[in-house]
N, C-alpha and C. Protein backbone atom coordinates (compact mmCIF):
# COMPACT_ATOMS: atom_id res chain seq x y z
N MET A 1 -38.70 -16.53 -77.73
CA MET A 1 -38.34 -16.81 -79.03
C MET A 1 -39.01 -18.29 -79.30
N ARG A 2 -39.33 -18.03 -80.74
CA ARG A 2 -40.51 -19.14 -81.10
C ARG A 2 -39.70 -19.69 -82.33
N ASN A 3 -39.47 -21.05 -82.56
CA ASN A 3 -38.66 -21.66 -83.46
C ASN A 3 -39.54 -21.56 -85.24
N PRO A 4 -38.81 -20.72 -86.02
CA PRO A 4 -39.50 -20.39 -87.11
C PRO A 4 -39.83 -21.65 -88.29
N PHE A 5 -39.17 -22.53 -87.70
CA PHE A 5 -39.46 -23.83 -88.69
C PHE A 5 -40.37 -24.60 -87.95
N ALA A 6 -40.88 -24.61 -86.95
CA ALA A 6 -41.87 -25.42 -86.12
C ALA A 6 -43.29 -25.64 -87.38
N TYR A 7 -43.59 -24.52 -88.12
CA TYR A 7 -44.62 -24.71 -88.72
C TYR A 7 -44.60 -23.93 -90.21
N ASP A 8 -43.41 -23.43 -90.31
CA ASP A 8 -43.41 -22.60 -91.70
C ASP A 8 -42.12 -22.93 -92.67
N ALA A 9 -42.11 -22.97 -93.52
CA ALA A 9 -40.96 -23.05 -94.32
C ALA A 9 -40.06 -21.77 -94.70
N ALA A 10 -39.00 -21.69 -94.90
CA ALA A 10 -38.12 -20.49 -95.13
C ALA A 10 -38.56 -19.39 -95.98
N ASN A 11 -39.46 -19.78 -97.27
CA ASN A 11 -40.00 -19.01 -98.05
C ASN A 11 -41.21 -18.26 -97.32
N ASN A 12 -41.63 -18.83 -96.37
CA ASN A 12 -42.77 -17.62 -95.62
C ASN A 12 -42.10 -17.13 -94.59
N LEU A 13 -40.75 -16.77 -94.39
CA LEU A 13 -40.27 -16.05 -93.32
C LEU A 13 -40.13 -14.60 -93.77
N SER A 14 -40.36 -13.57 -92.94
CA SER A 14 -40.16 -12.36 -93.31
C SER A 14 -38.30 -12.13 -93.56
N SER A 15 -38.04 -10.90 -94.08
CA SER A 15 -36.76 -10.76 -94.58
C SER A 15 -36.18 -10.60 -93.03
N VAL A 16 -36.56 -9.78 -91.70
CA VAL A 16 -36.04 -9.49 -90.66
C VAL A 16 -36.05 -11.21 -90.18
N ASP A 17 -37.14 -11.85 -90.12
CA ASP A 17 -36.69 -13.28 -89.20
C ASP A 17 -35.53 -13.98 -90.24
N ILE A 18 -35.37 -14.05 -91.33
CA ILE A 18 -34.25 -14.59 -91.98
C ILE A 18 -33.04 -13.94 -91.60
N LEU A 19 -32.84 -12.65 -91.60
CA LEU A 19 -31.74 -12.19 -91.01
C LEU A 19 -31.37 -12.46 -89.50
N ASP A 20 -32.68 -12.76 -88.51
CA ASP A 20 -32.24 -13.10 -87.13
C ASP A 20 -31.96 -14.31 -86.79
N TYR A 21 -32.64 -15.33 -87.99
CA TYR A 21 -32.38 -16.78 -87.48
C TYR A 21 -31.64 -17.48 -88.15
N TYR A 22 -30.93 -17.06 -89.30
CA TYR A 22 -29.97 -17.53 -90.09
C TYR A 22 -28.52 -17.53 -89.39
N ILE A 23 -27.82 -18.74 -89.36
CA ILE A 23 -26.42 -18.77 -88.78
C ILE A 23 -25.44 -19.11 -89.78
N GLU A 24 -24.72 -18.05 -89.89
CA GLU A 24 -23.67 -18.12 -91.60
C GLU A 24 -22.91 -19.23 -91.19
N ASP A 25 -22.61 -19.84 -92.53
CA ASP A 25 -21.76 -20.85 -92.28
C ASP A 25 -20.64 -20.74 -93.10
N HIS A 26 -19.43 -20.32 -92.71
CA HIS A 26 -18.31 -19.23 -93.62
C HIS A 26 -17.41 -20.86 -94.57
N ASN A 27 -18.08 -21.83 -94.52
CA ASN A 27 -17.01 -22.85 -95.12
C ASN A 27 -17.99 -22.86 -96.55
N PHE A 28 -18.98 -22.94 -96.97
CA PHE A 28 -19.71 -22.37 -98.17
C PHE A 28 -20.10 -21.41 -98.77
N SER A 29 -20.01 -20.16 -97.79
CA SER A 29 -20.32 -18.78 -98.27
C SER A 29 -19.83 -18.26 -99.51
N ARG A 30 -18.45 -18.76 -99.54
CA ARG A 30 -17.42 -18.08 -100.90
C ARG A 30 -18.00 -18.47 -102.15
N PHE A 31 -18.75 -19.97 -102.31
CA PHE A 31 -19.30 -19.98 -103.40
C PHE A 31 -20.52 -19.46 -103.37
N ILE A 32 -21.39 -19.32 -102.77
CA ILE A 32 -22.63 -18.71 -102.80
C ILE A 32 -22.38 -16.76 -103.16
N VAL A 33 -21.26 -16.66 -102.72
CA VAL A 33 -21.24 -14.93 -102.86
C VAL A 33 -20.26 -14.61 -104.04
N SER A 34 -20.22 -15.93 -104.83
CA SER A 34 -19.34 -15.56 -106.19
C SER A 34 -20.20 -14.91 -107.25
N PRO A 35 -19.87 -14.52 -108.26
CA PRO A 35 -20.60 -13.97 -109.24
C PRO A 35 -21.11 -14.79 -110.25
N ARG A 36 -21.02 -16.31 -110.02
CA ARG A 36 -21.53 -17.18 -111.11
C ARG A 36 -22.84 -17.76 -110.52
N ASN A 37 -23.58 -18.24 -111.43
CA ASN A 37 -24.61 -18.79 -110.90
C ASN A 37 -24.57 -20.20 -110.32
N ILE A 38 -25.22 -20.37 -109.07
CA ILE A 38 -25.20 -21.65 -108.43
C ILE A 38 -26.48 -22.44 -108.15
N PHE A 39 -26.37 -23.27 -107.93
CA PHE A 39 -27.38 -24.53 -107.80
C PHE A 39 -26.97 -25.41 -106.60
N LEU A 40 -28.00 -25.32 -105.25
CA LEU A 40 -27.78 -25.99 -104.16
C LEU A 40 -28.72 -27.00 -104.30
N THR A 41 -27.68 -28.37 -104.11
CA THR A 41 -28.88 -29.44 -103.83
C THR A 41 -29.02 -29.97 -102.30
N GLY A 42 -29.73 -31.02 -102.32
CA GLY A 42 -29.87 -31.71 -101.11
C GLY A 42 -31.18 -32.03 -100.52
N GLU A 43 -31.09 -32.87 -99.57
CA GLU A 43 -32.30 -33.25 -98.87
C GLU A 43 -33.36 -32.22 -98.36
N ARG A 44 -34.42 -32.36 -98.47
CA ARG A 44 -35.68 -31.35 -97.88
C ARG A 44 -34.94 -31.15 -96.38
N GLY A 45 -35.36 -29.80 -95.98
CA GLY A 45 -34.71 -29.30 -94.94
C GLY A 45 -33.55 -29.01 -94.23
N THR A 46 -32.51 -29.22 -95.41
CA THR A 46 -30.94 -29.05 -95.15
C THR A 46 -30.76 -27.61 -94.95
N GLY A 47 -31.77 -26.59 -95.11
CA GLY A 47 -31.12 -25.21 -95.32
C GLY A 47 -31.05 -24.58 -96.76
N LYS A 48 -31.29 -25.42 -97.69
CA LYS A 48 -30.96 -24.66 -99.30
C LYS A 48 -31.61 -23.16 -99.42
N THR A 49 -32.95 -23.16 -99.23
CA THR A 49 -33.69 -22.28 -99.34
C THR A 49 -33.37 -21.09 -98.56
N MET A 50 -33.13 -21.28 -97.29
CA MET A 50 -32.70 -20.15 -96.31
C MET A 50 -31.31 -19.74 -96.45
N THR A 51 -30.34 -20.47 -97.13
CA THR A 51 -29.24 -19.94 -97.47
C THR A 51 -29.06 -19.09 -98.73
N LEU A 52 -30.04 -19.70 -99.46
CA LEU A 52 -30.27 -18.66 -100.49
C LEU A 52 -30.86 -17.26 -100.47
N LEU A 53 -31.82 -17.76 -99.72
CA LEU A 53 -32.63 -16.45 -99.38
C LEU A 53 -31.78 -15.43 -98.43
N TYR A 54 -30.79 -15.87 -97.60
CA TYR A 54 -30.08 -15.20 -96.81
C TYR A 54 -28.95 -14.30 -97.69
N TYR A 55 -28.40 -14.79 -98.65
CA TYR A 55 -27.51 -14.08 -99.38
C TYR A 55 -28.16 -13.23 -100.57
N SER A 56 -29.68 -13.04 -100.70
CA SER A 56 -30.08 -12.32 -101.70
C SER A 56 -30.15 -11.03 -101.14
N ALA A 57 -30.27 -10.29 -102.21
CA ALA A 57 -29.94 -8.73 -102.18
C ALA A 57 -30.75 -8.06 -101.17
N LYS A 58 -32.12 -8.43 -101.07
CA LYS A 58 -32.88 -7.65 -99.95
C LYS A 58 -32.33 -7.86 -98.52
N ILE A 59 -31.74 -9.09 -98.01
CA ILE A 59 -31.34 -9.56 -97.10
C ILE A 59 -30.15 -8.92 -96.95
N GLU A 60 -29.17 -8.93 -97.86
CA GLU A 60 -27.65 -8.19 -97.87
C GLU A 60 -28.07 -6.64 -97.54
N TYR A 61 -29.09 -6.34 -97.83
CA TYR A 61 -29.11 -4.78 -97.54
C TYR A 61 -29.50 -4.81 -96.34
N LEU A 62 -30.44 -5.48 -95.73
CA LEU A 62 -30.87 -5.20 -94.47
C LEU A 62 -29.77 -5.48 -93.49
N LYS A 63 -28.81 -6.53 -93.86
CA LYS A 63 -27.61 -6.69 -93.18
C LYS A 63 -26.69 -5.64 -92.86
N ALA A 64 -26.36 -5.08 -94.12
CA ALA A 64 -25.63 -3.88 -94.45
C ALA A 64 -25.95 -2.59 -93.55
N GLN A 65 -27.64 -2.47 -93.31
CA GLN A 65 -28.15 -1.61 -92.83
C GLN A 65 -27.77 -1.52 -90.93
N LYS A 66 -28.05 -2.96 -90.75
CA LYS A 66 -28.16 -3.48 -89.39
C LYS A 66 -26.84 -2.93 -88.56
N GLU A 67 -25.57 -3.36 -89.58
CA GLU A 67 -24.29 -3.62 -89.40
C GLU A 67 -23.59 -2.31 -89.52
N SER A 68 -24.89 -1.14 -90.06
CA SER A 68 -24.03 0.38 -90.43
C SER A 68 -22.86 0.07 -91.46
N LYS A 69 -23.00 -0.66 -92.45
CA LYS A 69 -22.03 -0.92 -93.50
C LYS A 69 -22.40 -0.09 -94.78
N LYS A 70 -21.79 0.00 -95.52
CA LYS A 70 -22.25 0.25 -96.98
C LYS A 70 -22.59 -1.12 -97.91
N PHE A 71 -23.88 -1.11 -98.30
CA PHE A 71 -24.35 -2.42 -99.16
C PHE A 71 -23.39 -2.28 -100.51
N ASP A 72 -22.88 -3.58 -100.60
CA ASP A 72 -22.04 -3.64 -102.04
C ASP A 72 -22.86 -4.25 -102.87
N PHE A 73 -22.83 -3.28 -104.06
CA PHE A 73 -23.60 -3.37 -105.40
C PHE A 73 -22.86 -4.32 -106.60
N ARG A 74 -22.09 -4.83 -105.96
CA ARG A 74 -21.25 -5.69 -107.15
C ARG A 74 -21.95 -7.13 -107.33
N ASN A 75 -22.25 -7.59 -106.38
CA ASN A 75 -23.30 -8.81 -106.87
C ASN A 75 -24.45 -8.59 -106.05
N ILE A 76 -25.57 -8.88 -107.03
CA ILE A 76 -27.09 -8.84 -106.66
C ILE A 76 -27.45 -10.04 -106.70
N GLY A 77 -27.61 -10.90 -105.64
CA GLY A 77 -28.12 -12.04 -105.32
C GLY A 77 -29.92 -12.28 -105.29
N ILE A 78 -30.38 -13.18 -106.01
CA ILE A 78 -31.77 -13.22 -106.08
C ILE A 78 -31.76 -14.99 -106.04
N HIS A 79 -33.23 -15.03 -105.47
CA HIS A 79 -33.76 -16.46 -105.15
C HIS A 79 -34.73 -16.91 -106.18
N ILE A 80 -34.26 -17.96 -106.77
CA ILE A 80 -35.08 -18.48 -107.62
C ILE A 80 -35.49 -19.74 -107.35
N PRO A 81 -36.72 -20.24 -107.01
CA PRO A 81 -36.86 -21.65 -106.83
C PRO A 81 -37.27 -22.68 -107.79
N CYS A 82 -36.53 -23.63 -107.31
CA CYS A 82 -36.90 -24.46 -109.08
C CYS A 82 -38.20 -25.58 -108.48
N LYS A 83 -39.03 -25.26 -107.77
CA LYS A 83 -40.12 -26.06 -107.88
C LYS A 83 -41.43 -25.65 -108.21
N THR A 84 -41.13 -24.28 -109.14
CA THR A 84 -42.31 -23.87 -109.88
C THR A 84 -41.87 -24.06 -111.42
N PRO A 85 -41.58 -25.00 -112.11
CA PRO A 85 -41.29 -24.77 -113.56
C PRO A 85 -42.69 -24.38 -114.27
N LEU A 86 -42.36 -23.59 -115.32
CA LEU A 86 -43.63 -23.34 -116.04
C LEU A 86 -44.89 -23.45 -115.11
N ILE A 87 -44.81 -22.71 -114.06
CA ILE A 87 -46.03 -21.93 -113.33
C ILE A 87 -47.04 -23.35 -113.08
N TYR A 88 -46.49 -24.31 -112.67
CA TYR A 88 -47.34 -25.49 -112.65
C TYR A 88 -48.42 -25.60 -113.84
N LYS A 89 -48.26 -25.25 -114.83
CA LYS A 89 -48.81 -25.42 -116.35
C LYS A 89 -48.33 -26.88 -117.01
N GLN A 90 -49.27 -27.55 -117.63
CA GLN A 90 -49.02 -28.82 -117.99
C GLN A 90 -49.12 -28.87 -119.64
N GLU A 91 -49.65 -27.43 -120.41
CA GLU A 91 -49.63 -27.54 -121.36
C GLU A 91 -48.45 -27.48 -122.20
N TYR A 92 -47.33 -27.33 -121.80
CA TYR A 92 -45.97 -27.80 -122.41
C TYR A 92 -45.60 -29.07 -122.90
N GLU A 93 -46.62 -30.01 -122.06
CA GLU A 93 -46.19 -31.25 -122.56
C GLU A 93 -47.05 -31.69 -123.90
N LEU A 94 -47.88 -30.77 -124.28
CA LEU A 94 -48.29 -31.06 -125.66
C LEU A 94 -47.70 -30.33 -126.85
N LEU A 95 -46.88 -29.66 -126.38
CA LEU A 95 -45.82 -29.26 -127.57
C LEU A 95 -44.54 -30.14 -127.67
N ASN A 96 -43.79 -29.99 -128.87
CA ASN A 96 -42.64 -30.75 -129.11
C ASN A 96 -41.71 -30.40 -128.35
N ASP A 97 -40.75 -31.03 -128.26
CA ASP A 97 -39.58 -30.75 -126.88
C ASP A 97 -39.03 -29.53 -127.25
N PHE A 98 -38.67 -28.84 -128.34
CA PHE A 98 -37.95 -27.75 -128.67
C PHE A 98 -38.97 -26.83 -128.46
N LYS A 99 -40.17 -26.60 -128.74
CA LYS A 99 -41.26 -25.50 -128.29
C LYS A 99 -41.41 -25.32 -126.66
N ALA A 100 -41.46 -26.96 -126.05
CA ALA A 100 -41.54 -26.78 -124.50
C ALA A 100 -40.14 -26.31 -123.93
N TYR A 101 -38.91 -26.34 -124.72
CA TYR A 101 -37.96 -25.85 -124.23
C TYR A 101 -38.08 -24.51 -124.23
N LEU A 102 -38.33 -23.91 -125.24
CA LEU A 102 -38.45 -22.18 -125.64
C LEU A 102 -39.42 -21.59 -124.23
N VAL A 103 -40.39 -22.21 -124.39
CA VAL A 103 -41.67 -21.66 -123.26
C VAL A 103 -41.17 -21.80 -121.64
N SER A 104 -40.15 -23.14 -121.52
CA SER A 104 -39.53 -22.84 -120.21
C SER A 104 -38.82 -21.93 -119.82
N GLU A 105 -37.92 -22.00 -120.84
CA GLU A 105 -36.68 -20.87 -120.96
C GLU A 105 -37.36 -19.19 -120.80
N HIS A 106 -38.55 -19.15 -121.31
CA HIS A 106 -39.37 -17.82 -121.40
C HIS A 106 -39.56 -17.46 -119.99
N TYR A 107 -40.31 -18.77 -119.51
CA TYR A 107 -40.99 -18.29 -118.07
C TYR A 107 -39.70 -18.14 -116.92
N LEU A 108 -38.73 -18.93 -117.29
CA LEU A 108 -37.68 -19.02 -116.04
C LEU A 108 -36.80 -17.38 -116.27
N THR A 109 -36.57 -16.52 -117.75
CA THR A 109 -36.40 -15.64 -117.88
C THR A 109 -37.17 -14.28 -117.36
N LEU A 110 -38.62 -14.61 -117.27
CA LEU A 110 -39.30 -13.48 -116.90
C LEU A 110 -39.54 -13.68 -115.27
N TYR A 111 -39.08 -14.92 -114.91
CA TYR A 111 -39.21 -14.73 -113.40
C TYR A 111 -38.03 -14.45 -112.72
N ILE A 112 -36.92 -14.54 -113.63
CA ILE A 112 -35.38 -13.93 -113.06
C ILE A 112 -35.48 -12.38 -112.97
N VAL A 113 -36.21 -11.70 -114.21
CA VAL A 113 -36.60 -10.43 -114.38
C VAL A 113 -37.56 -9.87 -113.01
N LYS A 114 -38.55 -10.61 -112.75
CA LYS A 114 -39.50 -10.43 -111.61
C LYS A 114 -38.63 -10.37 -110.17
N GLU A 115 -38.21 -11.28 -110.17
CA GLU A 115 -37.25 -11.28 -108.74
C GLU A 115 -36.03 -10.06 -108.67
N LEU A 116 -35.29 -9.93 -109.94
CA LEU A 116 -34.40 -8.91 -109.84
C LEU A 116 -35.28 -7.63 -109.43
N VAL A 117 -36.29 -7.07 -110.28
CA VAL A 117 -36.77 -6.08 -110.08
C VAL A 117 -37.26 -5.75 -108.75
N THR A 118 -37.92 -6.98 -108.04
CA THR A 118 -38.43 -6.69 -106.78
C THR A 118 -37.18 -6.63 -105.92
N ASN A 119 -36.22 -7.31 -106.02
CA ASN A 119 -35.15 -6.99 -105.05
C ASN A 119 -34.76 -5.42 -105.18
N LEU A 120 -34.42 -5.23 -106.25
CA LEU A 120 -33.87 -3.77 -106.61
C LEU A 120 -34.58 -2.64 -105.95
N HIS A 121 -36.00 -2.91 -106.38
CA HIS A 121 -37.02 -1.83 -105.88
C HIS A 121 -36.92 -1.60 -104.20
N GLU A 122 -36.55 -2.72 -103.64
CA GLU A 122 -36.49 -2.62 -101.97
C GLU A 122 -35.13 -2.15 -101.43
N ILE A 123 -34.28 -1.82 -102.36
CA ILE A 123 -33.00 -1.21 -102.15
C ILE A 123 -33.00 0.51 -102.45
N ARG A 124 -33.16 1.08 -101.44
CA ARG A 124 -33.75 2.47 -101.41
C ARG A 124 -32.64 3.23 -102.29
N GLU A 125 -31.23 2.76 -101.98
CA GLU A 125 -30.42 3.74 -102.80
C GLU A 125 -30.64 3.75 -104.25
N ILE A 126 -31.03 2.27 -104.64
CA ILE A 126 -31.10 2.20 -106.38
C ILE A 126 -32.37 2.77 -106.64
N GLU A 127 -33.30 2.36 -105.79
CA GLU A 127 -34.85 3.35 -106.46
C GLU A 127 -34.28 4.94 -106.46
N GLU A 128 -33.59 5.60 -105.69
CA GLU A 128 -33.11 6.80 -105.52
C GLU A 128 -32.40 7.18 -106.67
N ALA A 129 -31.47 6.37 -107.15
CA ALA A 129 -30.45 6.52 -108.19
C ALA A 129 -31.26 6.56 -109.33
N PHE A 130 -32.21 5.78 -109.46
CA PHE A 130 -33.28 5.70 -110.91
C PHE A 130 -34.19 7.01 -111.10
N LEU A 131 -34.20 7.75 -109.91
CA LEU A 131 -35.09 8.97 -109.86
C LEU A 131 -35.28 9.87 -111.43
N GLY A 132 -33.93 10.12 -111.65
CA GLY A 132 -33.51 10.99 -112.70
C GLY A 132 -33.79 10.22 -113.96
N TYR A 133 -33.96 9.18 -114.16
CA TYR A 133 -34.01 8.47 -115.50
C TYR A 133 -35.34 7.90 -115.49
N ASN A 134 -36.30 7.90 -114.38
CA ASN A 134 -37.74 7.41 -114.39
C ASN A 134 -38.30 7.56 -115.83
N GLU A 135 -38.66 8.66 -116.08
CA GLU A 135 -39.47 8.92 -117.49
C GLU A 135 -38.66 8.44 -118.95
N HIS A 136 -37.43 8.37 -118.88
CA HIS A 136 -36.79 8.01 -120.00
C HIS A 136 -37.11 6.26 -119.94
N LEU A 137 -36.46 5.65 -119.06
CA LEU A 137 -36.77 4.44 -118.99
C LEU A 137 -37.96 3.88 -119.19
N LYS A 138 -39.03 4.55 -118.35
CA LYS A 138 -40.24 3.98 -118.73
C LYS A 138 -40.66 4.32 -120.17
N SER A 139 -40.46 5.44 -120.90
CA SER A 139 -40.65 5.42 -122.41
C SER A 139 -39.90 4.61 -123.49
N ASP A 140 -38.68 4.20 -122.99
CA ASP A 140 -37.99 3.11 -123.75
C ASP A 140 -38.69 1.76 -123.35
N PHE A 141 -39.09 1.45 -122.18
CA PHE A 141 -39.63 0.17 -121.84
C PHE A 141 -40.95 0.18 -122.62
N GLU A 142 -41.70 1.20 -122.59
CA GLU A 142 -43.11 1.32 -123.32
C GLU A 142 -42.79 0.77 -124.93
N TYR A 143 -41.95 1.80 -125.38
CA TYR A 143 -41.51 1.73 -126.92
C TYR A 143 -41.10 0.12 -127.22
N LEU A 144 -40.29 -0.62 -126.45
CA LEU A 144 -39.90 -1.61 -126.82
C LEU A 144 -40.94 -3.02 -126.53
N THR A 145 -41.78 -2.79 -125.53
CA THR A 145 -42.89 -3.75 -125.34
C THR A 145 -44.21 -3.74 -125.55
N GLY A 146 -44.57 -2.45 -125.76
CA GLY A 146 -46.07 -2.16 -126.47
C GLY A 146 -46.74 -1.98 -125.29
N GLU A 147 -46.16 -1.66 -123.94
CA GLU A 147 -47.03 -1.95 -122.84
C GLU A 147 -46.72 -0.50 -122.11
N SER A 148 -48.11 -0.07 -121.42
CA SER A 148 -48.09 1.26 -120.71
C SER A 148 -47.65 0.54 -119.19
N LEU A 149 -46.87 1.55 -118.66
CA LEU A 149 -46.77 1.78 -117.20
C LEU A 149 -47.42 2.64 -116.56
N TYR A 150 -47.27 2.29 -115.09
CA TYR A 150 -48.27 3.50 -114.50
C TYR A 150 -47.48 4.82 -114.41
N PRO A 151 -48.16 5.85 -114.67
CA PRO A 151 -47.59 7.17 -114.81
C PRO A 151 -47.03 7.87 -113.36
N ASN A 152 -47.60 7.33 -112.38
CA ASN A 152 -47.29 8.12 -111.20
C ASN A 152 -46.61 7.68 -110.08
N LYS A 153 -46.01 6.26 -110.82
CA LYS A 153 -44.77 5.51 -109.97
C LYS A 153 -43.63 5.42 -110.57
N SER A 154 -42.62 4.92 -109.92
CA SER A 154 -41.24 4.81 -110.20
C SER A 154 -41.27 3.85 -111.39
N PHE A 155 -40.24 3.85 -112.14
CA PHE A 155 -40.05 2.83 -113.20
C PHE A 155 -39.93 1.16 -112.74
N LEU A 156 -39.09 1.34 -111.56
CA LEU A 156 -39.01 -0.36 -110.82
C LEU A 156 -40.24 -0.62 -110.33
N GLU A 157 -40.90 0.29 -109.73
CA GLU A 157 -42.20 0.25 -108.85
C GLU A 157 -43.30 -0.13 -110.14
N SER A 158 -43.18 0.25 -111.34
CA SER A 158 -44.07 0.17 -112.24
C SER A 158 -44.00 -1.09 -113.21
N ILE A 159 -42.93 -1.39 -113.22
CA ILE A 159 -42.69 -3.01 -113.86
C ILE A 159 -42.86 -4.05 -113.28
């Protein structure tokens, strides 16, 4: 067995490695599995990213499969790293505070949607549940955004 932290950060580990290496801490997990948004703070290397990744939907789904349990769809956890505000762009500094706030919020919203769709797409039952609605969802999405989606792919895969 190799040490996954010797040369790599939690963000670079595969879902299987995170599931295998993470040790659950039942003292604080009740906060993480709550339906509220949370922020973890702490020094570098204390396990913040690993903890949030472990409780993300894609890992919870793998864990449910491994334990032959049903996946709980009530809470869909996603990990949004705070290291990437405004995608390392500096142009927002040229804007006044209000416009910078709007641009920052816009990027955050898009990032949340991207992570949510990516996580949902990895859960087979959700992708299968969308099958009957794919064309309707694509049509509505295209109408609302003016963007064309891939015709031969599912709704989640397209967006």
